[in-house]
Amino acid sequence: MSGTEIKSDDNSYKDVQAKLTKLTKALEDKAVELEVLRRRMQGNATRAEDVAKAIENAELDPKFVEATYAVSTALGGTVAQLRRLIEDAAEGASHSQVVQRTHARLYGRLDEVRSGRPEKTPKPGFLAD
């Protein structure tokens, strides 16, 4: 198991909080990485368009001009989709922070009480038939 993994079957209060923190950070980090990629692709799209104009002005075979414009257009479309993906990652990070705060509000005090007493706590469902 790598240092970035958290055991998924552990659902104690502190572990859920750690998982939510890790999720938020991962989404924020991916949004940053995707933004770097988006900028590079935007630059490539612009360069491809410039090349297409240059080879058109050089009166190269039209099929090469069309192909180069097609590359520029495809990269531009990918840039737009990356922008949406970046927004989704940022929104996911925001939602996970809300979930973490809500979880802390609902269960934080209970965890303090349970963690502060010397007696063991029965497993969930102990009283269920």
N, C-alpha and C. Protein backbone atom coordinates (compact mmCIF):
# COMPACT_ATOMS: atom_id res chain seq x y z
N MET A 1 0.85 -1.18 0.00
CA MET A 1 0.00 0.00 0.00
C MET A 1 0.89 1.23 0.00
N SER A 2 0.63 2.17 -0.91
CA SER A 2 1.45 3.38 -0.97
C SER A 2 1.10 4.33 0.16
N GLY A 3 1.93 5.35 0.35
CA GLY A 3 1.72 6.29 1.43
C GLY A 3 0.50 7.17 1.25
N THR A 4 -0.09 7.17 0.05
CA THR A 4 -1.25 8.03 -0.19
C THR A 4 -2.57 7.30 -0.01
N GLU A 5 -2.53 6.00 0.26
CA GLU A 5 -3.76 5.25 0.39
C GLU A 5 -4.22 5.22 1.85
N ILE A 6 -5.51 5.16 2.02
CA ILE A 6 -6.12 5.00 3.33
C ILE A 6 -6.99 3.76 3.26
N LYS A 7 -6.89 2.92 4.27
CA LYS A 7 -7.69 1.71 4.29
C LYS A 7 -9.17 2.07 4.13
N SER A 8 -9.81 1.52 3.09
CA SER A 8 -11.17 1.95 2.75
C SER A 8 -12.24 1.39 3.69
N ASP A 9 -11.95 0.32 4.43
CA ASP A 9 -12.98 -0.25 5.27
C ASP A 9 -12.98 0.32 6.68
N ASP A 10 -12.11 1.29 6.95
CA ASP A 10 -12.07 1.92 8.26
C ASP A 10 -12.92 3.19 8.19
N ASN A 11 -14.02 3.18 8.94
CA ASN A 11 -14.95 4.31 8.88
C ASN A 11 -15.07 5.04 10.21
N SER A 12 -14.00 5.04 10.99
CA SER A 12 -14.03 5.81 12.22
C SER A 12 -14.09 7.30 11.87
N TYR A 13 -14.50 8.09 12.81
CA TYR A 13 -14.63 9.53 12.58
C TYR A 13 -13.34 10.13 12.02
N LYS A 14 -12.24 9.86 12.68
CA LYS A 14 -10.96 10.46 12.26
C LYS A 14 -10.54 9.97 10.88
N ASP A 15 -10.80 8.71 10.59
CA ASP A 15 -10.43 8.19 9.28
C ASP A 15 -11.31 8.77 8.17
N VAL A 16 -12.58 8.95 8.44
CA VAL A 16 -13.46 9.59 7.44
C VAL A 16 -13.00 11.02 7.20
N GLN A 17 -12.66 11.72 8.27
CA GLN A 17 -12.16 13.09 8.11
C GLN A 17 -10.87 13.09 7.28
N ALA A 18 -9.98 12.15 7.54
CA ALA A 18 -8.72 12.05 6.78
C ALA A 18 -9.00 11.74 5.31
N LYS A 19 -9.95 10.85 5.05
CA LYS A 19 -10.31 10.51 3.67
C LYS A 19 -10.87 11.73 2.94
N LEU A 20 -11.71 12.48 3.61
CA LEU A 20 -12.29 13.67 2.98
C LEU A 20 -11.22 14.73 2.72
N THR A 21 -10.29 14.89 3.65
CA THR A 21 -9.18 15.83 3.45
C THR A 21 -8.35 15.41 2.24
N LYS A 22 -8.07 14.12 2.18
CA LYS A 22 -7.27 13.58 1.07
C LYS A 22 -8.00 13.75 -0.27
N LEU A 23 -9.30 13.51 -0.28
CA LEU A 23 -10.09 13.67 -1.49
C LEU A 23 -10.07 15.12 -1.95
N THR A 24 -10.27 16.05 -1.03
CA THR A 24 -10.25 17.47 -1.37
C THR A 24 -8.91 17.86 -1.99
N LYS A 25 -7.84 17.45 -1.35
CA LYS A 25 -6.50 17.78 -1.84
C LYS A 25 -6.25 17.18 -3.21
N ALA A 26 -6.65 15.92 -3.40
CA ALA A 26 -6.45 15.26 -4.69
C ALA A 26 -7.20 16.00 -5.80
N LEU A 27 -8.43 16.40 -5.53
CA LEU A 27 -9.21 17.12 -6.53
C LEU A 27 -8.61 18.49 -6.83
N GLU A 28 -8.15 19.18 -5.79
CA GLU A 28 -7.51 20.48 -5.99
C GLU A 28 -6.21 20.32 -6.80
N ASP A 29 -5.43 19.31 -6.46
CA ASP A 29 -4.18 19.06 -7.19
C ASP A 29 -4.44 18.74 -8.66
N LYS A 30 -5.45 17.91 -8.91
CA LYS A 30 -5.78 17.55 -10.30
C LYS A 30 -6.27 18.77 -11.08
N ALA A 31 -7.01 19.63 -10.43
CA ALA A 31 -7.47 20.84 -11.11
C ALA A 31 -6.27 21.68 -11.56
N VAL A 32 -5.27 21.78 -10.70
CA VAL A 32 -4.05 22.54 -11.05
C VAL A 32 -3.32 21.86 -12.21
N GLU A 33 -3.16 20.54 -12.13
CA GLU A 33 -2.48 19.80 -13.20
C GLU A 33 -3.23 19.94 -14.52
N LEU A 34 -4.54 19.85 -14.47
CA LEU A 34 -5.34 19.98 -15.68
C LEU A 34 -5.25 21.38 -16.26
N GLU A 35 -5.13 22.38 -15.42
CA GLU A 35 -4.98 23.76 -15.91
C GLU A 35 -3.66 23.91 -16.67
N VAL A 36 -2.61 23.30 -16.15
CA VAL A 36 -1.32 23.34 -16.85
C VAL A 36 -1.46 22.67 -18.22
N LEU A 37 -2.11 21.52 -18.25
CA LEU A 37 -2.34 20.82 -19.51
C LEU A 37 -3.20 21.66 -20.46
N ARG A 38 -4.25 22.28 -19.92
CA ARG A 38 -5.12 23.10 -20.77
C ARG A 38 -4.35 24.24 -21.43
N ARG A 39 -3.49 24.89 -20.66
CA ARG A 39 -2.70 26.00 -21.22
C ARG A 39 -1.75 25.52 -22.31
N ARG A 40 -1.12 24.36 -22.08
CA ARG A 40 -0.23 23.81 -23.10
C ARG A 40 -1.00 23.47 -24.37
N MET A 41 -2.17 22.87 -24.21
CA MET A 41 -2.97 22.51 -25.37
C MET A 41 -3.47 23.75 -26.10
N GLN A 42 -3.81 24.78 -25.35
CA GLN A 42 -4.23 26.03 -25.97
C GLN A 42 -3.09 26.61 -26.81
N GLY A 43 -1.89 26.56 -26.26
CA GLY A 43 -0.72 27.03 -27.01
C GLY A 43 -0.49 26.20 -28.26
N ASN A 44 -0.66 24.90 -28.16
CA ASN A 44 -0.51 24.03 -29.33
C ASN A 44 -1.58 24.31 -30.38
N ALA A 45 -2.80 24.57 -29.93
CA ALA A 45 -3.89 24.89 -30.86
C ALA A 45 -3.58 26.18 -31.60
N THR A 46 -3.09 27.17 -30.89
CA THR A 46 -2.72 28.45 -31.51
C THR A 46 -1.58 28.26 -32.50
N ARG A 47 -0.57 27.48 -32.09
CA ARG A 47 0.56 27.23 -33.00
C ARG A 47 0.10 26.48 -34.25
N ALA A 48 -0.78 25.49 -34.08
CA ALA A 48 -1.29 24.74 -35.23
C ALA A 48 -2.04 25.66 -36.19
N GLU A 49 -2.81 26.58 -35.63
CA GLU A 49 -3.53 27.54 -36.49
C GLU A 49 -2.54 28.44 -37.23
N ASP A 50 -1.51 28.89 -36.54
CA ASP A 50 -0.48 29.72 -37.18
C ASP A 50 0.22 28.97 -38.30
N VAL A 51 0.51 27.70 -38.07
CA VAL A 51 1.16 26.87 -39.09
C VAL A 51 0.22 26.70 -40.28
N ALA A 52 -1.05 26.47 -40.01
CA ALA A 52 -2.02 26.32 -41.09
C ALA A 52 -2.07 27.58 -41.95
N LYS A 53 -2.07 28.74 -41.31
CA LYS A 53 -2.08 30.01 -42.06
C LYS A 53 -0.80 30.16 -42.88
N ALA A 54 0.32 29.77 -42.27
CA ALA A 54 1.60 29.90 -42.96
C ALA A 54 1.67 28.98 -44.18
N ILE A 55 1.21 27.75 -44.03
CA ILE A 55 1.29 26.85 -45.19
C ILE A 55 0.23 27.20 -46.24
N GLU A 56 -0.85 27.83 -45.79
CA GLU A 56 -1.85 28.31 -46.76
C GLU A 56 -1.25 29.46 -47.56
N ASN A 57 -0.56 30.37 -46.86
CA ASN A 57 0.09 31.50 -47.55
C ASN A 57 1.22 31.03 -48.46
N ALA A 58 1.81 29.90 -48.13
CA ALA A 58 2.89 29.35 -48.96
C ALA A 58 2.32 28.54 -50.13
N GLU A 59 1.01 28.51 -50.21
CA GLU A 59 0.28 27.81 -51.27
C GLU A 59 0.62 26.33 -51.35
N LEU A 60 0.72 25.73 -50.15
CA LEU A 60 0.92 24.29 -50.07
C LEU A 60 -0.37 23.60 -50.47
N ASP A 61 -0.31 22.34 -50.72
CA ASP A 61 -1.49 21.56 -51.11
C ASP A 61 -2.61 21.80 -50.07
N PRO A 62 -3.81 22.11 -50.52
CA PRO A 62 -4.92 22.41 -49.61
C PRO A 62 -5.23 21.30 -48.60
N LYS A 63 -4.94 20.05 -48.95
CA LYS A 63 -5.23 18.98 -47.99
C LYS A 63 -4.39 19.12 -46.73
N PHE A 64 -3.16 19.63 -46.85
CA PHE A 64 -2.31 19.85 -45.68
C PHE A 64 -2.81 21.04 -44.86
N VAL A 65 -3.29 22.04 -45.56
CA VAL A 65 -3.85 23.21 -44.87
C VAL A 65 -5.08 22.78 -44.07
N GLU A 66 -5.97 22.02 -44.71
CA GLU A 66 -7.18 21.55 -44.03
C GLU A 66 -6.84 20.65 -42.85
N ALA A 67 -5.88 19.75 -43.04
CA ALA A 67 -5.50 18.84 -41.96
C ALA A 67 -4.94 19.62 -40.77
N THR A 68 -4.14 20.64 -41.04
CA THR A 68 -3.54 21.42 -39.96
C THR A 68 -4.60 22.25 -39.24
N TYR A 69 -5.55 22.82 -40.00
CA TYR A 69 -6.66 23.52 -39.36
C TYR A 69 -7.50 22.55 -38.52
N ALA A 70 -7.66 21.32 -39.01
CA ALA A 70 -8.43 20.31 -38.26
C ALA A 70 -7.75 20.00 -36.93
N VAL A 71 -6.43 19.93 -36.94
CA VAL A 71 -5.70 19.69 -35.69
C VAL A 71 -5.93 20.85 -34.73
N SER A 72 -5.85 22.06 -35.24
CA SER A 72 -6.07 23.24 -34.40
C SER A 72 -7.48 23.22 -33.80
N THR A 73 -8.46 22.89 -34.62
CA THR A 73 -9.85 22.83 -34.16
C THR A 73 -10.04 21.74 -33.11
N ALA A 74 -9.45 20.58 -33.35
CA ALA A 74 -9.56 19.48 -32.39
C ALA A 74 -8.92 19.85 -31.05
N LEU A 75 -7.77 20.47 -31.11
CA LEU A 75 -7.12 20.90 -29.86
C LEU A 75 -7.96 21.95 -29.15
N GLY A 76 -8.55 22.86 -29.91
CA GLY A 76 -9.43 23.87 -29.30
C GLY A 76 -10.63 23.24 -28.61
N GLY A 77 -11.20 22.20 -29.22
CA GLY A 77 -12.32 21.49 -28.59
C GLY A 77 -11.89 20.79 -27.31
N THR A 78 -10.69 20.22 -27.34
CA THR A 78 -10.17 19.56 -26.15
C THR A 78 -9.94 20.57 -25.03
N VAL A 79 -9.47 21.74 -25.40
CA VAL A 79 -9.26 22.81 -24.41
C VAL A 79 -10.58 23.16 -23.72
N ALA A 80 -11.64 23.26 -24.49
CA ALA A 80 -12.95 23.58 -23.91
C ALA A 80 -13.40 22.48 -22.95
N GLN A 81 -13.19 21.23 -23.33
CA GLN A 81 -13.58 20.12 -22.45
C GLN A 81 -12.71 20.07 -21.19
N LEU A 82 -11.44 20.40 -21.34
CA LEU A 82 -10.56 20.46 -20.16
C LEU A 82 -11.02 21.55 -19.20
N ARG A 83 -11.48 22.67 -19.74
CA ARG A 83 -11.98 23.74 -18.88
C ARG A 83 -13.15 23.24 -18.04
N ARG A 84 -14.04 22.48 -18.67
CA ARG A 84 -15.18 21.92 -17.93
C ARG A 84 -14.71 20.93 -16.87
N LEU A 85 -13.73 20.11 -17.22
CA LEU A 85 -13.21 19.13 -16.28
C LEU A 85 -12.54 19.82 -15.08
N ILE A 86 -11.84 20.89 -15.35
CA ILE A 86 -11.21 21.67 -14.27
C ILE A 86 -12.28 22.23 -13.34
N GLU A 87 -13.34 22.78 -13.92
CA GLU A 87 -14.44 23.31 -13.12
C GLU A 87 -15.09 22.20 -12.29
N ASP A 88 -15.25 21.01 -12.88
CA ASP A 88 -15.85 19.89 -12.15
C ASP A 88 -14.96 19.45 -10.99
N ALA A 89 -13.64 19.42 -11.22
CA ALA A 89 -12.72 19.04 -10.14
C ALA A 89 -12.77 20.05 -9.00
N ALA A 90 -12.81 21.33 -9.34
CA ALA A 90 -12.88 22.37 -8.32
C ALA A 90 -14.20 22.29 -7.56
N GLU A 91 -15.27 22.02 -8.28
CA GLU A 91 -16.58 21.88 -7.64
C GLU A 91 -16.61 20.66 -6.72
N GLY A 92 -16.00 19.57 -7.17
CA GLY A 92 -15.92 18.36 -6.34
C GLY A 92 -15.14 18.62 -5.07
N ALA A 93 -14.04 19.37 -5.18
CA ALA A 93 -13.24 19.72 -4.00
C ALA A 93 -14.07 20.56 -3.03
N SER A 94 -14.82 21.49 -3.57
CA SER A 94 -15.67 22.33 -2.74
C SER A 94 -16.74 21.50 -2.02
N HIS A 95 -17.35 20.58 -2.75
CA HIS A 95 -18.39 19.73 -2.15
C HIS A 95 -17.79 18.83 -1.07
N SER A 96 -16.60 18.31 -1.31
CA SER A 96 -16.01 17.43 -0.29
C SER A 96 -15.66 18.22 0.97
N GLN A 97 -15.33 19.50 0.82
CA GLN A 97 -15.10 20.33 2.01
C GLN A 97 -16.40 20.53 2.78
N VAL A 98 -17.50 20.73 2.07
CA VAL A 98 -18.80 20.87 2.72
C VAL A 98 -19.16 19.58 3.45
N VAL A 99 -18.94 18.46 2.80
CA VAL A 99 -19.24 17.17 3.43
C VAL A 99 -18.37 17.00 4.68
N GLN A 100 -17.11 17.38 4.60
CA GLN A 100 -16.22 17.24 5.75
C GLN A 100 -16.69 18.11 6.92
N ARG A 101 -17.07 19.35 6.64
CA ARG A 101 -17.56 20.22 7.71
C ARG A 101 -18.86 19.69 8.30
N THR A 102 -19.74 19.19 7.45
CA THR A 102 -21.01 18.63 7.93
C THR A 102 -20.75 17.40 8.79
N HIS A 103 -19.86 16.55 8.34
CA HIS A 103 -19.50 15.35 9.10
C HIS A 103 -18.93 15.74 10.46
N ALA A 104 -18.07 16.75 10.46
CA ALA A 104 -17.47 17.22 11.73
C ALA A 104 -18.55 17.77 12.65
N ARG A 105 -19.48 18.52 12.09
CA ARG A 105 -20.55 19.10 12.90
C ARG A 105 -21.45 18.02 13.49
N LEU A 106 -21.75 17.00 12.71
CA LEU A 106 -22.66 15.95 13.16
C LEU A 106 -21.99 14.93 14.10
N TYR A 107 -20.74 14.62 13.86
CA TYR A 107 -20.11 13.52 14.59
C TYR A 107 -18.88 13.90 15.39
N GLY A 108 -18.40 15.12 15.26
CA GLY A 108 -17.18 15.52 15.96
C GLY A 108 -17.30 15.42 17.46
N ARG A 109 -18.36 15.96 18.00
CA ARG A 109 -18.55 15.94 19.46
C ARG A 109 -18.72 14.51 19.97
N LEU A 110 -19.44 13.70 19.22
CA LEU A 110 -19.62 12.30 19.60
C LEU A 110 -18.26 11.59 19.65
N ASP A 111 -17.41 11.87 18.67
CA ASP A 111 -16.08 11.27 18.66
C ASP A 111 -15.26 11.71 19.87
N GLU A 112 -15.39 12.98 20.24
CA GLU A 112 -14.68 13.48 21.43
C GLU A 112 -15.11 12.72 22.68
N VAL A 113 -16.41 12.52 22.82
CA VAL A 113 -16.94 11.81 23.99
C VAL A 113 -16.45 10.36 23.97
N ARG A 114 -16.60 9.70 22.84
CA ARG A 114 -16.21 8.29 22.74
C ARG A 114 -14.71 8.12 22.92
N SER A 115 -13.93 9.01 22.37
CA SER A 115 -12.47 8.91 22.46
C SER A 115 -11.96 9.25 23.85
N GLY A 116 -12.72 10.04 24.59
CA GLY A 116 -12.27 10.50 25.89
C GLY A 116 -12.59 9.58 27.05
N ARG A 117 -13.33 8.54 26.82
CA ARG A 117 -13.66 7.65 27.93
C ARG A 117 -12.84 6.36 27.85
N PRO A 118 -12.53 5.79 28.99
CA PRO A 118 -11.68 4.60 29.00
C PRO A 118 -12.41 3.32 28.60
N GLU A 119 -13.74 3.30 28.72
CA GLU A 119 -14.49 2.09 28.40
C GLU A 119 -14.57 1.89 26.89
N LYS A 120 -14.58 0.63 26.51
CA LYS A 120 -14.74 0.31 25.09
C LYS A 120 -16.18 0.59 24.66
N THR A 121 -16.35 0.93 23.42
CA THR A 121 -17.67 1.20 22.85
C THR A 121 -18.11 -0.04 22.07
N PRO A 122 -19.36 -0.47 22.25
CA PRO A 122 -19.81 -1.64 21.47
C PRO A 122 -19.80 -1.36 19.98
N LYS A 123 -19.66 -2.41 19.22
CA LYS A 123 -19.67 -2.28 17.76
C LYS A 123 -21.06 -1.81 17.31
N PRO A 124 -21.14 -1.11 16.18
CA PRO A 124 -22.44 -0.71 15.66
C PRO A 124 -23.34 -1.93 15.46
N GLY A 125 -24.58 -1.79 15.78
CA GLY A 125 -25.53 -2.89 15.62
C GLY A 125 -25.55 -3.87 16.77
N PHE A 126 -24.83 -3.55 17.84
CA PHE A 126 -24.74 -4.46 18.99
C PHE A 126 -26.11 -4.81 19.54
N LEU A 127 -27.01 -3.84 19.61
CA LEU A 127 -28.32 -4.07 20.19
C LEU A 127 -29.34 -4.55 19.16
N ALA A 128 -28.97 -4.58 17.89
CA ALA A 128 -29.91 -5.00 16.86
C ALA A 128 -30.05 -6.53 16.91
N ASP A 129 -31.24 -7.01 16.57
CA ASP A 129 -31.49 -8.45 16.56
C ASP A 129 -31.11 -9.05 15.27
